[in-house]
PDB file of all heavy atoms in Angstrom:
ATOM      1  N   LEU A   1     -93.656 312.016-201.507  1.00  0.00           N
ATOM      2  CA  LEU A   1     -92.908 312.168-200.266  1.00  0.00           C
ATOM      3  C   LEU A   1     -91.545 311.480-200.366  1.00  0.00           C
ATOM      4  O   LEU A   1     -91.457 310.337-200.824  1.00  0.00           O
ATOM      5  CB  LEU A   1     -93.691 311.570-199.095  1.00  0.00           C
ATOM      6  CG  LEU A   1     -94.925 312.345-198.645  1.00  0.00           C
ATOM      7  CD1 LEU A   1     -95.707 311.524-197.635  1.00  0.00           C
ATOM      8  CD2 LEU A   1     -94.546 313.694-198.052  1.00  0.00           C
ATOM      9  N   PRO A   2     -90.493 312.141-199.927  1.00  0.00           N
ATOM     10  CA  PRO A   2     -89.177 311.490-199.923  1.00  0.00           C
ATOM     11  C   PRO A   2     -89.162 310.294-198.968  1.00  0.00           C
ATOM     12  O   PRO A   2     -89.851 310.294-197.951  1.00  0.00           O
ATOM     13  CB  PRO A   2     -88.240 312.595-199.416  1.00  0.00           C
ATOM     14  CG  PRO A   2     -88.994 313.870-199.577  1.00  0.00           C
ATOM     15  CD  PRO A   2     -90.437 313.528-199.446  1.00  0.00           C
ATOM     16  N   GLU A   3     -88.386 309.293-199.288  1.00  0.00           N
ATOM     17  CA  GLU A   3     -88.263 308.132-198.413  1.00  0.00           C
ATOM     18  C   GLU A   3     -87.415 308.461-197.188  1.00  0.00           C
ATOM     19  O   GLU A   3     -87.676 307.958-196.098  1.00  0.00           O
ATOM     20  CB  GLU A   3     -87.639 306.962-199.179  1.00  0.00           C
ATOM     21  CG  GLU A   3     -88.549 306.359-200.234  1.00  0.00           C
ATOM     22  CD  GLU A   3     -89.761 305.674-199.632  1.00  0.00           C
ATOM     23  OE1 GLU A   3     -89.650 305.146-198.510  1.00  0.00           O
ATOM     24  OE2 GLU A   3     -90.829 305.687-200.279  1.00  0.00           O
ATOM     25  N   ASP A   4     -86.406 309.305-197.376  1.00  0.00           N
ATOM     26  CA  ASP A   4     -85.519 309.657-196.267  1.00  0.00           C
ATOM     27  C   ASP A   4     -86.283 310.467-195.220  1.00  0.00           C
ATOM     28  O   ASP A   4     -86.897 311.488-195.546  1.00  0.00           O
ATOM     29  CB  ASP A   4     -84.335 310.474-196.785  1.00  0.00           C
ATOM     30  CG  ASP A   4     -83.434 310.930-195.660  1.00  0.00           C
ATOM     31  OD1 ASP A   4     -82.809 310.070-195.016  1.00  0.00           O
ATOM     32  OD2 ASP A   4     -83.377 312.154-195.416  1.00  0.00           O
ATOM     33  N   PRO A   5     -86.283 310.036-193.951  1.00  0.00           N
ATOM     34  CA  PRO A   5     -87.052 310.742-192.921  1.00  0.00           C
ATOM     35  C   PRO A   5     -86.666 312.209-192.755  1.00  0.00           C
ATOM     36  O   PRO A   5     -87.530 313.061-192.563  1.00  0.00           O
ATOM     37  CB  PRO A   5     -86.759 309.944-191.647  1.00  0.00           C
ATOM     38  CG  PRO A   5     -86.385 308.590-192.130  1.00  0.00           C
ATOM     39  CD  PRO A   5     -85.669 308.815-193.427  1.00  0.00           C
ATOM     40  N   VAL A   6     -85.366 312.511-192.828  1.00  0.00           N
ATOM     41  CA  VAL A   6     -84.934 313.905-192.658  1.00  0.00           C
ATOM     42  C   VAL A   6     -85.448 314.760-193.809  1.00  0.00           C
ATOM     43  O   VAL A   6     -85.978 315.859-193.591  1.00  0.00           O
ATOM     44  CB  VAL A   6     -83.396 313.983-192.555  1.00  0.00           C
ATOM     45  CG1 VAL A   6     -82.943 315.449-192.538  1.00  0.00           C
ATOM     46  CG2 VAL A   6     -82.904 313.268-191.302  1.00  0.00           C
ATOM     47  N   ALA A   7     -85.308 314.285-195.039  1.00  0.00           N
ATOM     48  CA  ALA A   7     -85.798 315.041-196.194  1.00  0.00           C
ATOM     49  C   ALA A   7     -87.305 315.220-196.130  1.00  0.00           C
ATOM     50  O   ALA A   7     -87.835 316.285-196.457  1.00  0.00           O
ATOM     51  CB  ALA A   7     -85.397 314.321-197.485  1.00  0.00           C
ATOM     52  N   ARG A   8     -87.999 314.183-195.698  1.00  0.00           N
ATOM     53  CA  ARG A   8     -89.460 314.273-195.583  1.00  0.00           C
ATOM     54  C   ARG A   8     -89.869 315.289-194.526  1.00  0.00           C
ATOM     55  O   ARG A   8     -90.766 316.104-194.736  1.00  0.00           O
ATOM     56  CB  ARG A   8     -90.030 312.895-195.255  1.00  0.00           C
ATOM     57  CG  ARG A   8     -91.553 312.839-195.169  1.00  0.00           C
ATOM     58  CD  ARG A   8     -92.014 311.401-195.027  1.00  0.00           C
ATOM     59  NE  ARG A   8     -93.437 311.297-194.777  1.00  0.00           N
ATOM     60  CZ  ARG A   8     -94.087 310.155-194.639  1.00  0.00           C
ATOM     61  NH1 ARG A   8     -93.435 308.998-194.742  1.00  0.00           N
ATOM     62  NH2 ARG A   8     -95.385 310.135-194.400  1.00  0.00           N
ATOM     63  N   ALA A   9     -89.188 315.257-193.389  1.00  0.00           N
ATOM     64  CA  ALA A   9     -89.490 316.211-192.321  1.00  0.00           C
ATOM     65  C   ALA A   9     -89.207 317.646-192.768  1.00  0.00           C
ATOM     66  O   ALA A   9     -89.982 318.566-192.483  1.00  0.00           O
ATOM     67  CB  ALA A   9     -88.683 315.873-191.072  1.00  0.00           C
ATOM     68  N   GLN A  10     -88.111 317.841-193.483  1.00  0.00           N
ATOM     69  CA  GLN A  10     -87.776 319.184-193.953  1.00  0.00           C
ATOM     70  C   GLN A  10     -88.822 319.699-194.931  1.00  0.00           C
ATOM     71  O   GLN A  10     -89.173 320.890-194.918  1.00  0.00           O
ATOM     72  CB  GLN A  10     -86.391 319.172-194.588  1.00  0.00           C
ATOM     73  CG  GLN A  10     -85.267 318.994-193.586  1.00  0.00           C
ATOM     74  CD  GLN A  10     -83.904 318.817-194.224  1.00  0.00           C
ATOM     75  OE1 GLN A  10     -83.799 318.520-195.431  1.00  0.00           O
ATOM     76  NE2 GLN A  10     -82.853 318.971-193.442  1.00  0.00           N
ATOM     77  N   LEU A  11     -89.345 318.836-195.788  1.00  0.00           N
ATOM     78  CA  LEU A  11     -90.396 319.238-196.716  1.00  0.00           C
ATOM     79  C   LEU A  11     -91.671 319.606-195.968  1.00  0.00           C
ATOM     80  O   LEU A  11     -92.339 320.595-196.299  1.00  0.00           O
ATOM     81  CB  LEU A  11     -90.670 318.105-197.706  1.00  0.00           C
ATOM     82  CG  LEU A  11     -91.627 318.403-198.858  1.00  0.00           C
ATOM     83  CD1 LEU A  11     -91.137 319.597-199.686  1.00  0.00           C
ATOM     84  CD2 LEU A  11     -91.783 317.167-199.749  1.00  0.00           C
ATOM     85  N   MET A  12     -92.003 318.846-194.938  1.00  0.00           N
ATOM     86  CA  MET A  12     -93.174 319.152-194.118  1.00  0.00           C
ATOM     87  C   MET A  12     -93.016 320.497-193.419  1.00  0.00           C
ATOM     88  O   MET A  12     -93.970 321.269-193.304  1.00  0.00           O
ATOM     89  CB  MET A  12     -93.406 318.031-193.102  1.00  0.00           C
ATOM     90  CG  MET A  12     -93.789 316.693-193.727  1.00  0.00           C
ATOM     91  SD  MET A  12     -93.774 315.318-192.546  1.00  0.00           S
ATOM     92  CE  MET A  12     -95.202 315.742-191.528  1.00  0.00           C
ATOM     93  N   ARG A  13     -91.802 320.800-192.961  1.00  0.00           N
ATOM     94  CA  ARG A  13     -91.548 322.089-192.297  1.00  0.00           C
ATOM     95  C   ARG A  13     -91.726 323.248-193.274  1.00  0.00           C
ATOM     96  O   ARG A  13     -92.292 324.289-192.919  1.00  0.00           O
ATOM     97  CB  ARG A  13     -90.142 322.104-191.707  1.00  0.00           C
ATOM     98  CG  ARG A  13     -89.954 321.147-190.545  1.00  0.00           C
ATOM     99  CD  ARG A  13     -88.484 320.972-190.191  1.00  0.00           C
ATOM    100  NE  ARG A  13     -88.306 319.804-189.334  1.00  0.00           N
ATOM    101  CZ  ARG A  13     -87.147 319.172-189.169  1.00  0.00           C
ATOM    102  NH1 ARG A  13     -86.065 319.610-189.805  1.00  0.00           N
ATOM    103  NH2 ARG A  13     -87.065 318.125-188.381  1.00  0.00           N
ATOM    104  N   GLU A  14     -91.247 323.076-194.495  1.00  0.00           N
ATOM    105  CA  GLU A  14     -91.407 324.126-195.505  1.00  0.00           C
ATOM    106  C   GLU A  14     -92.883 324.387-195.787  1.00  0.00           C
ATOM    107  O   GLU A  14     -93.309 325.541-195.919  1.00  0.00           O
ATOM    108  CB  GLU A  14     -90.684 323.714-196.787  1.00  0.00           C
ATOM    109  CG  GLU A  14     -89.171 323.695-196.665  1.00  0.00           C
ATOM    110  CD  GLU A  14     -88.502 323.088-197.893  1.00  0.00           C
ATOM    111  OE1 GLU A  14     -89.222 322.828-198.883  1.00  0.00           O
ATOM    112  OE2 GLU A  14     -87.272 322.873-197.863  1.00  0.00           O
ATOM    113  N   ASN A  15     -93.679 323.340-195.870  1.00  0.00           N
ATOM    114  CA  ASN A  15     -95.115 323.513-196.118  1.00  0.00           C
ATOM    115  C   ASN A  15     -95.804 324.214-194.954  1.00  0.00           C
ATOM    116  O   ASN A  15     -96.699 325.037-195.155  1.00  0.00           O
ATOM    117  CB  ASN A  15     -95.773 322.155-196.369  1.00  0.00           C
ATOM    118  CG  ASN A  15     -95.450 321.615-197.744  1.00  0.00           C
ATOM    119  OD1 ASN A  15     -95.009 322.369-198.611  1.00  0.00           O
ATOM    120  ND2 ASN A  15     -95.637 320.329-197.956  1.00  0.00           N
ATOM    121  N   MET A  16     -95.387 323.901-193.731  1.00  0.00           N
ATOM    122  CA  MET A  16     -96.014 324.510-192.561  1.00  0.00           C
ATOM    123  C   MET A  16     -95.694 326.003-192.485  1.00  0.00           C
ATOM    124  O   MET A  16     -96.518 326.798-192.017  1.00  0.00           O
ATOM    125  CB  MET A  16     -95.575 323.806-191.285  1.00  0.00           C
ATOM    126  CG  MET A  16     -96.149 324.420-190.018  1.00  0.00           C
ATOM    127  SD  MET A  16     -95.968 323.372-188.563  1.00  0.00           S
ATOM    128  CE  MET A  16     -97.332 322.240-188.813  1.00  0.00           C
ATOM    129  N   ARG A  17     -94.525 326.399-192.936  1.00  0.00           N
ATOM    130  CA  ARG A  17     -94.141 327.818-192.882  1.00  0.00           C
ATOM    131  C   ARG A  17     -95.133 328.697-193.652  1.00  0.00           C
ATOM    132  O   ARG A  17     -95.353 329.854-193.299  1.00  0.00           O
ATOM    133  CB  ARG A  17     -92.743 328.004-193.474  1.00  0.00           C
ATOM    134  CG  ARG A  17     -91.621 327.493-192.594  1.00  0.00           C
ATOM    135  CD  ARG A  17     -91.304 328.466-191.487  1.00  0.00           C
ATOM    136  NE  ARG A  17     -90.193 328.024-190.658  1.00  0.00           N
ATOM    137  CZ  ARG A  17     -89.759 328.682-189.604  1.00  0.00           C
ATOM    138  NH1 ARG A  17     -90.341 329.809-189.240  1.00  0.00           N
ATOM    139  NH2 ARG A  17     -88.748 328.228-188.891  1.00  0.00           N
ATOM    140  N   VAL A  18     -95.740 328.139-194.683  1.00  0.00           N
ATOM    141  CA  VAL A  18     -96.689 328.900-195.490  1.00  0.00           C
ATOM    142  C   VAL A  18     -97.918 329.288-194.670  1.00  0.00           C
ATOM    143  O   VAL A  18     -98.546 330.318-194.914  1.00  0.00           O
ATOM    144  CB  VAL A  18     -97.116 328.076-196.731  1.00  0.00           C
ATOM    145  CG1 VAL A  18     -98.165 328.809-197.545  1.00  0.00           C
ATOM    146  CG2 VAL A  18     -95.901 327.759-197.591  1.00  0.00           C
ATOM    147  N   MET A  19     -98.246 328.477-193.664  1.00  0.00           N
ATOM    148  CA  MET A  19     -99.473 328.685-192.891  1.00  0.00           C
ATOM    149  C   MET A  19     -99.246 329.432-191.575  1.00  0.00           C
ATOM    150  O   MET A  19    -100.182 329.638-190.821  1.00  0.00           O
ATOM    151  CB  MET A  19    -100.133 327.333-192.592  1.00  0.00           C
ATOM    152  CG  MET A  19    -100.532 326.559-193.825  1.00  0.00           C
ATOM    153  SD  MET A  19    -101.395 325.019-193.428  1.00  0.00           S
ATOM    154  CE  MET A  19    -100.061 324.050-192.707  1.00  0.00           C
ATOM    155  N   GLU A  20     -98.010 329.821-191.273  1.00  0.00           N
ATOM    156  CA  GLU A  20     -97.752 330.426-189.979  1.00  0.00           C
ATOM    157  C   GLU A  20     -98.341 331.831-189.890  1.00  0.00           C
ATOM    158  O   GLU A  20     -98.419 332.563-190.873  1.00  0.00           O
ATOM    159  CB  GLU A  20     -96.256 330.461-189.694  1.00  0.00           C
ATOM    160  CG  GLU A  20     -95.459 331.422-190.537  1.00  0.00           C
ATOM    161  CD  GLU A  20     -93.968 331.332-190.243  1.00  0.00           C
ATOM    162  OE1 GLU A  20     -93.523 330.313-189.709  1.00  0.00           O
ATOM    163  OE2 GLU A  20     -93.264 332.299-190.571  1.00  0.00           O
ATOM    164  N   PRO A  21     -98.782 332.225-188.698  1.00  0.00           N
ATOM    165  CA  PRO A  21     -99.391 333.545-188.523  1.00  0.00           C
ATOM    166  C   PRO A  21     -98.347 334.658-188.487  1.00  0.00           C
ATOM    167  O   PRO A  21     -97.144 334.404-188.393  1.00  0.00           O
ATOM    168  CB  PRO A  21    -100.085 333.414-187.159  1.00  0.00           C
ATOM    169  CG  PRO A  21     -99.204 332.440-186.412  1.00  0.00           C
ATOM    170  CD  PRO A  21     -98.734 331.453-187.454  1.00  0.00           C
ATOM    171  N   GLU A  22     -98.841 335.872-188.563  1.00  0.00           N
ATOM    172  CA  GLU A  22     -97.953 337.022-188.393  1.00  0.00           C
ATOM    173  C   GLU A  22     -97.391 337.027-186.972  1.00  0.00           C
ATOM    174  O   GLU A  22     -98.087 336.678-186.019  1.00  0.00           O
ATOM    175  CB  GLU A  22     -98.714 338.323-188.648  1.00  0.00           C
ATOM    176  CG  GLU A  22     -99.095 338.542-190.099  1.00  0.00           C
ATOM    177  CD  GLU A  22     -97.865 338.736-190.981  1.00  0.00           C
ATOM    178  OE1 GLU A  22     -96.920 339.433-190.541  1.00  0.00           O
ATOM    179  OE2 GLU A  22     -97.838 338.173-192.089  1.00  0.00           O
ATOM    180  N   PRO A  23     -96.134 337.405-186.804  1.00  0.00           N
ATOM    181  CA  PRO A  23     -95.564 337.407-185.455  1.00  0.00           C
ATOM    182  C   PRO A  23     -96.227 338.451-184.561  1.00  0.00           C
ATOM    183  O   PRO A  23     -96.630 339.521-185.019  1.00  0.00           O
ATOM    184  CB  PRO A  23     -94.090 337.738-185.696  1.00  0.00           C
ATOM    185  CG  PRO A  23     -94.067 338.442-187.017  1.00  0.00           C
ATOM    186  CD  PRO A  23     -95.163 337.828-187.823  1.00  0.00           C
ATOM    187  N   SER A  24     -96.342 338.142-183.307  1.00  0.00           N
ATOM    188  CA  SER A  24     -96.901 339.074-182.337  1.00  0.00           C
ATOM    189  C   SER A  24     -95.892 340.164-182.009  1.00  0.00           C
ATOM    190  O   SER A  24     -94.712 339.877-181.775  1.00  0.00           O
ATOM    191  CB  SER A  24     -97.280 338.330-181.052  1.00  0.00           C
ATOM    192  OG  SER A  24     -97.479 339.230-179.980  1.00  0.00           O
ATOM    193  N   PRO A  25     -96.324 341.430-181.970  1.00  0.00           N
ATOM    194  CA  PRO A  25     -95.399 342.505-181.577  1.00  0.00           C
ATOM    195  C   PRO A  25     -94.975 342.399-180.118  1.00  0.00           C
ATOM    196  O   PRO A  25     -93.991 343.030-179.708  1.00  0.00           O
ATOM    197  CB  PRO A  25     -96.217 343.783-181.829  1.00  0.00           C
ATOM    198  CG  PRO A  25     -97.641 343.338-181.787  1.00  0.00           C
ATOM    199  CD  PRO A  25     -97.660 341.941-182.320  1.00  0.00           C
ATOM    200  N   MET A  26     -95.702 341.585-179.349  1.00  0.00           N
ATOM    201  CA  MET A  26     -95.365 341.421-177.943  1.00  0.00           C
ATOM    202  C   MET A  26     -94.232 340.420-177.745  1.00  0.00           C
ATOM    203  O   MET A  26     -93.568 340.420-176.710  1.00  0.00           O
ATOM    204  CB  MET A  26     -96.603 340.955-177.165  1.00  0.00           C
ATOM    205  CG  MET A  26     -96.451 340.899-175.660  1.00  0.00           C
ATOM    206  SD  MET A  26     -97.993 340.358-174.858  1.00  0.00           S
ATOM    207  CE  MET A  26     -97.534 340.502-173.125  1.00  0.00           C
ATOM    208  N   ALA A  27     -94.004 339.561-178.719  1.00  0.00           N
ATOM    209  CA  ALA A  27     -93.035 338.476-178.579  1.00  0.00           C
ATOM    210  C   ALA A  27     -91.604 339.003-178.574  1.00  0.00           C
ATOM    211  O   ALA A  27     -91.248 339.885-179.356  1.00  0.00           O
ATOM    212  CB  ALA A  27     -93.214 337.465-179.703  1.00  0.00           C
ATOM    213  N   VAL A  28     -90.789 338.432-177.706  1.00  0.00           N
ATOM    214  CA  VAL A  28     -89.368 338.751-177.619  1.00  0.00           C
ATOM    215  C   VAL A  28     -88.591 337.449-177.755  1.00  0.00           C
ATOM    216  O   VAL A  28     -88.838 336.485-177.006  1.00  0.00           O
ATOM    217  CB  VAL A  28     -89.015 339.438-176.284  1.00  0.00           C
ATOM    218  CG1 VAL A  28     -87.504 339.638-176.174  1.00  0.00           C
ATOM    219  CG2 VAL A  28     -89.749 340.762-176.152  1.00  0.00           C
ATOM    220  N   GLU A  29     -87.672 337.402-178.699  1.00  0.00           N
ATOM    221  CA  GLU A  29     -86.852 336.212-178.892  1.00  0.00           C
ATOM    222  C   GLU A  29     -85.618 336.273-177.997  1.00  0.00           C
ATOM    223  O   GLU A  29     -85.001 337.333-177.837  1.00  0.00           O
ATOM    224  CB  GLU A  29     -86.447 336.070-180.352  1.00  0.00           C
ATOM    225  CG  GLU A  29     -87.627 335.809-181.286  1.00  0.00           C
ATOM    226  CD  GLU A  29     -87.187 335.577-182.719  1.00  0.00           C
ATOM    227  OE1 GLU A  29     -86.006 335.844-183.027  1.00  0.00           O
ATOM    228  OE2 GLU A  29     -88.030 335.116-183.517  1.00  0.00           O
ATOM    229  N   ASP A  30     -85.269 335.125-177.426  1.00  0.00           N
ATOM    230  CA  ASP A  30     -84.119 335.055-176.524  1.00  0.00           C
ATOM    231  C   ASP A  30     -83.594 333.621-176.561  1.00  0.00           C
ATOM    232  O   ASP A  30     -84.096 332.782-177.311  1.00  0.00           O
ATOM    233  CB  ASP A  30     -84.549 335.446-175.110  1.00  0.00           C
ATOM    234  CG  ASP A  30     -83.386 335.952-174.257  1.00  0.00           C
ATOM    235  OD1 ASP A  30     -82.219 335.723-174.640  1.00  0.00           O
ATOM    236  OD2 ASP A  30     -83.644 336.561-173.200  1.00  0.00           O
ATOM    237  N   THR A  31     -82.604 333.339-175.764  1.00  0.00           N
ATOM    238  CA  THR A  31     -82.100 331.978-175.605  1.00  0.00           C
ATOM    239  C   THR A  31     -81.892 331.697-174.130  1.00  0.00           C
ATOM    240  O   THR A  31     -81.684 332.622-173.323  1.00  0.00           O
ATOM    241  CB  THR A  31     -80.773 331.743-176.352  1.00  0.00           C
ATOM    242  OG1 THR A  31     -79.778 332.619-175.824  1.00  0.00           O
ATOM    243  CG2 THR A  31     -80.934 331.963-177.846  1.00  0.00           C
ATOM    244  N   ILE A  32     -81.946 330.416-173.781  1.00  0.00           N
ATOM    245  CA  ILE A  32     -81.628 329.978-172.425  1.00  0.00           C
ATOM    246  C   ILE A  32     -80.661 328.806-172.542  1.00  0.00           C
ATOM    247  O   ILE A  32     -80.610 328.141-173.579  1.00  0.00           O
ATOM    248  CB  ILE A  32     -82.891 329.560-171.645  1.00  0.00           C
ATOM    249  CG1 ILE A  32     -83.592 328.395-172.349  1.00  0.00           C
ATOM    250  CG2 ILE A  32     -83.837 330.739-171.470  1.00  0.00           C
ATOM    251  CD1 ILE A  32     -84.747 327.801-171.543  1.00  0.00           C
ATOM    252  N   PRO A  33     -79.899 328.508-171.512  1.00  0.00           N
ATOM    253  CA  PRO A  33     -78.958 327.378-171.579  1.00  0.00           C
ATOM    254  C   PRO A  33     -79.702 326.052-171.670  1.00  0.00           C
ATOM    255  O   PRO A  33     -80.739 325.856-171.023  1.00  0.00           O
ATOM    256  CB  PRO A  33     -78.180 327.488-170.260  1.00  0.00           C
ATOM    257  CG  PRO A  33     -78.416 328.871-169.772  1.00  0.00           C
ATOM    258  CD  PRO A  33     -79.772 329.265-170.256  1.00  0.00           C
ATOM    259  N   GLY A  34     -79.179 325.139-172.472  1.00  0.00           N
ATOM    260  CA  GLY A  34     -79.781 323.827-172.611  1.00  0.00           C
ATOM    261  C   GLY A  34     -78.750 322.732-172.550  1.00  0.00           C
ATOM    262  O   GLY A  34     -77.538 323.001-172.498  1.00  0.00           O
ATOM    263  N   PRO A  35     -79.170 321.489-172.584  1.00  0.00           N
ATOM    264  CA  PRO A  35     -78.239 320.364-172.462  1.00  0.00           C
ATOM    265  C   PRO A  35     -77.321 320.192-173.661  1.00  0.00           C
ATOM    266  O   PRO A  35     -76.304 319.500-173.567  1.00  0.00           O
ATOM    267  CB  PRO A  35     -79.166 319.153-172.305  1.00  0.00           C
ATOM    268  CG  PRO A  35     -80.453 319.580-172.928  1.00  0.00           C
ATOM    269  CD  PRO A  35     -80.569 321.041-172.648  1.00  0.00           C
ATOM    270  N   ALA A  36     -77.672 320.806-174.804  1.00  0.00           N
ATOM    271  CA  ALA A  36     -76.835 320.685-176.002  1.00  0.00           C
ATOM    272  C   ALA A  36     -76.518 322.047-176.592  1.00  0.00           C
ATOM    273  O   ALA A  36     -76.311 322.191-177.791  1.00  0.00           O
ATOM    274  CB  ALA A  36     -77.527 319.816-177.043  1.00  0.00           C
ATOM    275  N   GLY A  37     -76.489 323.070-175.742  1.00  0.00           N
ATOM    276  CA  GLY A  37     -76.261 324.435-176.208  1.00  0.00           C
ATOM    277  C   GLY A  37     -77.464 325.301-175.939  1.00  0.00           C
ATOM    278  O   GLY A  37     -78.450 324.867-175.331  1.00  0.00           O
ATOM    279  N   ASP A  38     -77.406 326.537-176.393  1.00  0.00           N
ATOM    280  CA  ASP A  38     -78.501 327.468-176.139  1.00  0.00           C
ATOM    281  C   ASP A  38     -79.783 327.021-176.840  1.00  0.00           C
ATOM    282  O   ASP A  38     -79.758 326.546-177.980  1.00  0.00           O
ATOM    283  CB  ASP A  38     -78.129 328.868-176.617  1.00  0.00           C
ATOM    284  CG  ASP A  38     -77.109 329.537-175.706  1.00  0.00           C
ATOM    285  OD1 ASP A  38     -76.897 329.032-174.591  1.00  0.00           O
ATOM    286  OD2 ASP A  38     -76.525 330.554-176.117  1.00  0.00           O
ATOM    287  N   ILE A  39     -80.904 327.199-176.139  1.00  0.00           N
ATOM    288  CA  ILE A  39     -82.230 326.861-176.672  1.00  0.00           C
ATOM    289  C   ILE A  39     -82.943 328.165-177.020  1.00  0.00           C
ATOM    290  O   ILE A  39     -83.123 329.028-176.151  1.00  0.00           O
ATOM    291  CB  ILE A  39     -83.065 326.094-175.641  1.00  0.00           C
ATOM    292  CG1 ILE A  39     -82.340 324.833-175.167  1.00  0.00           C
ATOM    293  CG2 ILE A  39     -84.439 325.743-176.220  1.00  0.00           C
ATOM    294  CD1 ILE A  39     -83.034 324.158-173.986  1.00  0.00           C
ATOM    295  N   PRO A  40     -83.389 328.349-178.266  1.00  0.00           N
ATOM    296  CA  PRO A  40     -84.184 329.537-178.593  1.00  0.00           C
ATOM    297  C   PRO A  40     -85.540 329.486-177.870  1.00  0.00           C
ATOM    298  O   PRO A  40     -86.159 328.424-177.755  1.00  0.00           O
ATOM    299  CB  PRO A  40     -84.368 329.437-180.106  1.00  0.00           C
ATOM    300  CG  PRO A  40     -83.335 328.467-180.573  1.00  0.00           C
ATOM    301  CD  PRO A  40     -83.131 327.508-179.452  1.00  0.00           C
ATOM    302  N   VAL A  41     -85.965 330.628-177.375  1.00  0.00           N
ATOM    303  CA  VAL A  41     -87.273 330.727-176.729  1.00  0.00           C
ATOM    304  C   VAL A  41     -87.967 332.002-177.195  1.00  0.00           C
ATOM    305  O   VAL A  41     -87.328 332.934-177.691  1.00  0.00           O
ATOM    306  CB  VAL A  41     -87.152 330.724-175.186  1.00  0.00           C
ATOM    307  CG1 VAL A  41     -86.574 329.416-174.689  1.00  0.00           C
ATOM    308  CG2 VAL A  41     -86.307 331.905-174.701  1.00  0.00           C
ATOM    309  N   ARG A  42     -89.259 332.022-177.022  1.00  0.00           N
ATOM    310  CA  ARG A  42     -90.083 333.175-177.404  1.00  0.00           C
ATOM    311  C   ARG A  42     -90.876 333.573-176.165  1.00  0.00           C
ATOM    312  O   ARG A  42     -91.617 332.756-175.612  1.00  0.00           O
ATOM    313  CB  ARG A  42     -90.997 332.776-178.555  1.00  0.00           C
ATOM    314  CG  ARG A  42     -91.539 333.913-179.388  1.00  0.00           C
ATOM    315  CD  ARG A  42     -92.096 333.351-180.705  1.00  0.00           C
ATOM    316  NE  ARG A  42     -92.747 334.363-181.508  1.00  0.00           N
ATOM    317  CZ  ARG A  42     -92.107 335.178-182.334  1.00  0.00           C
ATOM    318  NH1 ARG A  42     -90.791 335.090-182.431  1.00  0.00           N
ATOM    319  NH2 ARG A  42     -92.754 336.081-183.041  1.00  0.00           N
TER     320      ARG A  42
END
């Protein structure tokens, strides 16, 4: 594991992507306004 928290978190995210399910055909991606810019939503 990398010592740097950001690098470690990014590696964990890459590993999790392998386990993600197939996307639902019902899902629609969009954005809504947020405190630091648009927030992606599903």
